[in-house]
Amino acid sequence: MMNTTHAAMGIALAAPVTEVAPEFAPVAALAAIVGGVFPDLDLLSGQHRRTLHFPIYYSVAGVVAGAVALLVPTTPTVVAAFFLLSAALHCVTDAMGGGLELRPWEATDDRGVYVHPAKRWIRPRRWVRYDGAPEDLLLASVFSIPGLVMFDGWVRTLTVVGLIISVVYVLVRKRLPELEVRYLR
């Protein structure tokens, strides 16, 4: 999935905070955005969906941090909870997408997300065929609704910017492998 889809999922995850504890909503949204995009920093390592993708560890840590934030709601506990929960959501939903190949629409790679405790890869489900597929844009759009409706200010602005970036990415996605091969390799 696109990083913008993961960010929109994070904002949607944080949206209920606007009703329950509005004083924490902006930091919850920011932490969820950062947590939603953080795992993809492993693109820089050459070990994508393995180096910073921890579906089990983020999930367990997120549940613990969420419980702590419910019991002791402070800015640090809310930030930790939403960062970890959003990172977990990112890693789990990556398994719904395509593999790691340069042209994921060809479906030649069986690596979806690495599960460290099991020391194995979960195969890609391809419900979202590849990052930048039309269904990925649909998901980004749907998950952006809470950011557009329940937030204002910079969260709403970032949501709109994320949607614009998503549309542009979808329009150019299938041309990117050719550009990468031509100019970066």
Protein backbone atom coordinates (compact mmCIF):
# COMPACT_ATOMS: atom_id res chain seq x y z
CA MET A 1 0.00 0.00 0.00
CA MET A 2 1.01 3.59 -0.48
CA ASN A 3 2.56 5.36 2.47
CA THR A 4 -0.24 7.91 2.18
CA THR A 5 -2.76 5.11 2.71
CA HIS A 6 -0.93 4.07 5.88
CA ALA A 7 -0.91 7.69 7.07
CA ALA A 8 -4.65 8.01 6.39
CA MET A 9 -5.26 4.78 8.33
CA GLY A 10 -3.33 6.28 11.24
CA ILE A 11 -5.43 9.43 11.19
CA ALA A 12 -8.60 7.31 11.10
CA LEU A 13 -7.26 5.33 14.06
CA ALA A 14 -6.76 8.58 16.01
CA ALA A 15 -10.08 10.16 14.98
CA PRO A 16 -12.13 8.86 17.96
CA VAL A 17 -9.82 10.82 20.26
CA THR A 18 -11.44 14.03 18.94
CA GLU A 19 -14.62 12.96 20.77
CA VAL A 20 -13.22 11.16 23.81
CA ALA A 21 -10.25 13.36 24.74
CA PRO A 22 -10.02 16.27 22.28
CA GLU A 23 -7.06 17.77 24.12
CA PHE A 24 -4.99 14.79 22.92
CA ALA A 25 -6.38 14.62 19.37
CA PRO A 26 -3.62 16.59 17.61
CA VAL A 27 -0.77 14.62 19.23
CA ALA A 28 -2.61 11.34 18.69
CA ALA A 29 -3.00 12.20 14.99
CA LEU A 30 0.64 13.23 14.63
CA ALA A 31 1.89 10.09 16.40
CA ALA A 32 -0.42 7.93 14.26
CA ILE A 33 0.81 9.56 11.04
CA VAL A 34 4.46 9.07 12.04
CA GLY A 35 3.79 5.50 13.20
CA GLY A 36 1.91 4.81 9.97
CA VAL A 37 4.79 5.86 7.74
CA PHE A 38 7.73 4.80 9.96
CA PRO A 39 7.98 1.12 8.93
CA ASP A 40 8.57 2.10 5.30
CA LEU A 41 11.82 3.83 6.23
CA ASP A 42 13.28 0.35 5.77
CA LEU A 43 13.06 0.98 2.04
CA LEU A 44 16.39 2.73 2.58
CA SER A 45 17.97 -0.39 4.07
CA GLY A 46 17.44 -2.73 1.14
CA GLN A 47 15.44 -5.02 3.43
CA HIS A 48 11.93 -3.64 2.86
CA ARG A 49 9.15 -5.13 4.96
CA ARG A 50 11.70 -6.82 7.17
CA THR A 51 13.99 -4.31 8.88
CA LEU A 52 11.34 -2.00 10.41
CA HIS A 53 8.23 -4.11 9.87
CA PHE A 54 7.31 -5.88 13.10
CA PRO A 55 3.63 -6.92 12.92
CA ILE A 56 3.74 -8.98 16.12
CA TYR A 57 6.01 -6.78 18.22
CA TYR A 58 4.29 -3.50 17.31
CA SER A 59 0.89 -5.08 17.97
CA VAL A 60 1.80 -6.36 21.42
CA ALA A 61 3.59 -3.13 22.36
CA GLY A 62 0.68 -1.08 20.97
CA VAL A 63 -1.90 -2.93 23.08
CA VAL A 64 0.24 -2.46 26.20
CA ALA A 65 0.88 1.22 25.41
CA GLY A 66 -2.83 1.70 24.65
CA ALA A 67 -3.78 0.26 28.02
CA VAL A 68 -1.27 2.54 29.74
CA ALA A 69 -2.63 5.56 27.83
CA LEU A 70 -6.18 4.69 28.92
CA LEU A 71 -5.10 4.39 32.56
CA VAL A 72 -2.66 7.32 32.57
CA PRO A 73 -3.57 9.67 29.74
CA THR A 74 -0.63 11.97 29.21
CA THR A 75 0.95 13.29 26.03
CA PRO A 76 3.82 10.74 26.14
CA THR A 77 1.52 7.77 26.76
CA VAL A 78 -0.90 8.83 24.01
CA VAL A 79 1.98 9.42 21.58
CA ALA A 80 3.49 6.01 22.33
CA ALA A 81 0.16 4.23 21.98
CA PHE A 82 -0.82 5.78 18.67
CA PHE A 83 2.66 5.49 17.17
CA LEU A 84 2.84 1.79 18.00
CA LEU A 85 -0.76 0.97 17.06
CA SER A 86 -0.43 2.75 13.73
CA ALA A 87 2.91 1.05 13.00
CA ALA A 88 1.27 -2.30 13.80
CA LEU A 89 -1.65 -1.51 11.50
CA HIS A 90 0.82 -0.62 8.74
CA CYS A 91 2.67 -3.92 9.07
CA VAL A 92 -0.45 -6.07 9.26
CA THR A 93 -2.09 -4.38 6.29
CA ASP A 94 1.06 -4.70 4.16
CA ALA A 95 0.31 -8.43 4.02
CA MET A 96 -2.95 -7.54 2.22
CA GLY A 97 -0.96 -6.00 -0.61
CA GLY A 98 1.42 -7.28 -3.24
CA GLY A 99 4.93 -8.64 -3.04
CA LEU A 100 8.27 -6.89 -3.09
CA GLU A 101 9.07 -7.14 -6.79
CA LEU A 102 9.88 -4.09 -8.90
CA ARG A 103 6.63 -4.56 -10.82
CA PRO A 104 4.26 -5.93 -8.16
CA TRP A 105 1.34 -6.12 -10.60
CA GLU A 106 3.18 -9.10 -12.15
CA ALA A 107 2.73 -11.00 -8.83
CA THR A 108 6.04 -12.90 -8.98
CA ASP A 109 7.17 -12.46 -5.35
CA ASP A 110 5.75 -14.38 -2.40
CA ARG A 111 7.16 -12.08 0.29
CA GLY A 112 4.48 -9.94 1.93
CA VAL A 113 5.72 -9.10 5.45
CA TYR A 114 8.41 -10.75 7.54
CA VAL A 115 7.31 -12.12 10.92
CA HIS A 116 10.39 -12.10 13.14
CA PRO A 117 9.23 -14.47 15.92
CA ALA A 118 8.31 -17.10 13.30
CA LYS A 119 11.41 -16.33 11.19
CA ARG A 120 9.40 -16.47 7.98
CA TRP A 121 7.57 -14.33 5.44
CA ILE A 122 3.79 -14.06 5.28
CA ARG A 123 2.75 -14.34 1.65
CA PRO A 124 1.08 -11.31 0.07
CA ARG A 125 -2.70 -11.61 -0.19
CA ARG A 126 -2.90 -9.10 -3.09
CA TRP A 127 -6.30 -7.73 -2.01
CA VAL A 128 -4.65 -4.46 -2.93
CA ARG A 129 -2.71 -5.70 -5.94
CA TYR A 130 0.19 -3.27 -5.54
CA ASP A 131 1.03 0.07 -4.00
CA GLY A 132 -0.54 2.72 -6.20
CA ALA A 133 -3.26 0.44 -7.59
CA PRO A 134 -6.72 1.99 -8.04
CA GLU A 135 -8.01 0.04 -5.03
CA ASP A 136 -5.18 1.53 -2.97
CA LEU A 137 -6.40 5.01 -3.89
CA LEU A 138 -9.93 3.94 -2.91
CA LEU A 139 -8.67 2.84 0.51
CA ALA A 140 -6.68 6.05 0.96
CA SER A 141 -9.82 8.03 0.11
CA VAL A 142 -12.06 6.11 2.50
CA PHE A 143 -9.56 6.28 5.37
CA SER A 144 -9.12 10.01 4.73
CA ILE A 145 -12.77 10.76 5.52
CA PRO A 146 -12.23 10.91 9.32
CA GLY A 147 -9.28 13.26 8.81
CA LEU A 148 -11.44 15.53 6.68
CA VAL A 149 -14.54 15.40 8.88
CA MET A 150 -13.35 15.04 12.47
CA PHE A 151 -10.21 17.18 12.40
CA ASP A 152 -9.49 20.72 11.35
CA GLY A 153 -6.31 22.73 10.91
CA TRP A 154 -3.07 20.99 10.02
CA VAL A 155 -4.51 17.45 10.27
CA ARG A 156 -7.16 18.24 7.68
CA THR A 157 -4.56 20.00 5.52
CA LEU A 158 -2.19 17.00 5.69
CA THR A 159 -5.10 14.72 4.81
CA VAL A 160 -5.84 16.76 1.68
CA VAL A 161 -2.15 16.85 0.74
CA GLY A 162 -1.96 13.08 1.25
CA LEU A 163 -4.90 12.55 -1.08
CA ILE A 164 -3.34 14.76 -3.77
CA ILE A 165 -0.05 12.86 -3.49
CA SER A 166 -1.98 9.58 -3.69
CA VAL A 167 -3.73 10.59 -6.92
CA VAL A 168 -0.46 11.67 -8.53
CA TYR A 169 1.31 8.49 -7.41
CA VAL A 170 -1.45 6.28 -8.81
CA LEU A 171 -1.22 8.11 -12.13
CA VAL A 172 2.55 7.53 -12.47
CA ARG A 173 3.03 4.26 -10.54
CA LYS A 174 3.43 1.90 -13.48
CA ARG A 175 6.05 4.18 -15.06
CA LEU A 176 8.29 4.19 -11.99
CA PRO A 177 10.12 0.86 -12.57
CA GLU A 178 11.26 2.03 -16.00
CA LEU A 179 12.55 5.29 -14.52
CA GLU A 180 14.29 3.46 -11.69
CA VAL A 181 16.04 1.07 -14.05
CA ARG A 182 17.01 3.84 -16.42
CA TYR A 183 18.24 6.44 -13.93
CA LEU A 184 18.99 4.77 -10.59
CA ARG A 185 20.50 1.40 -11.45
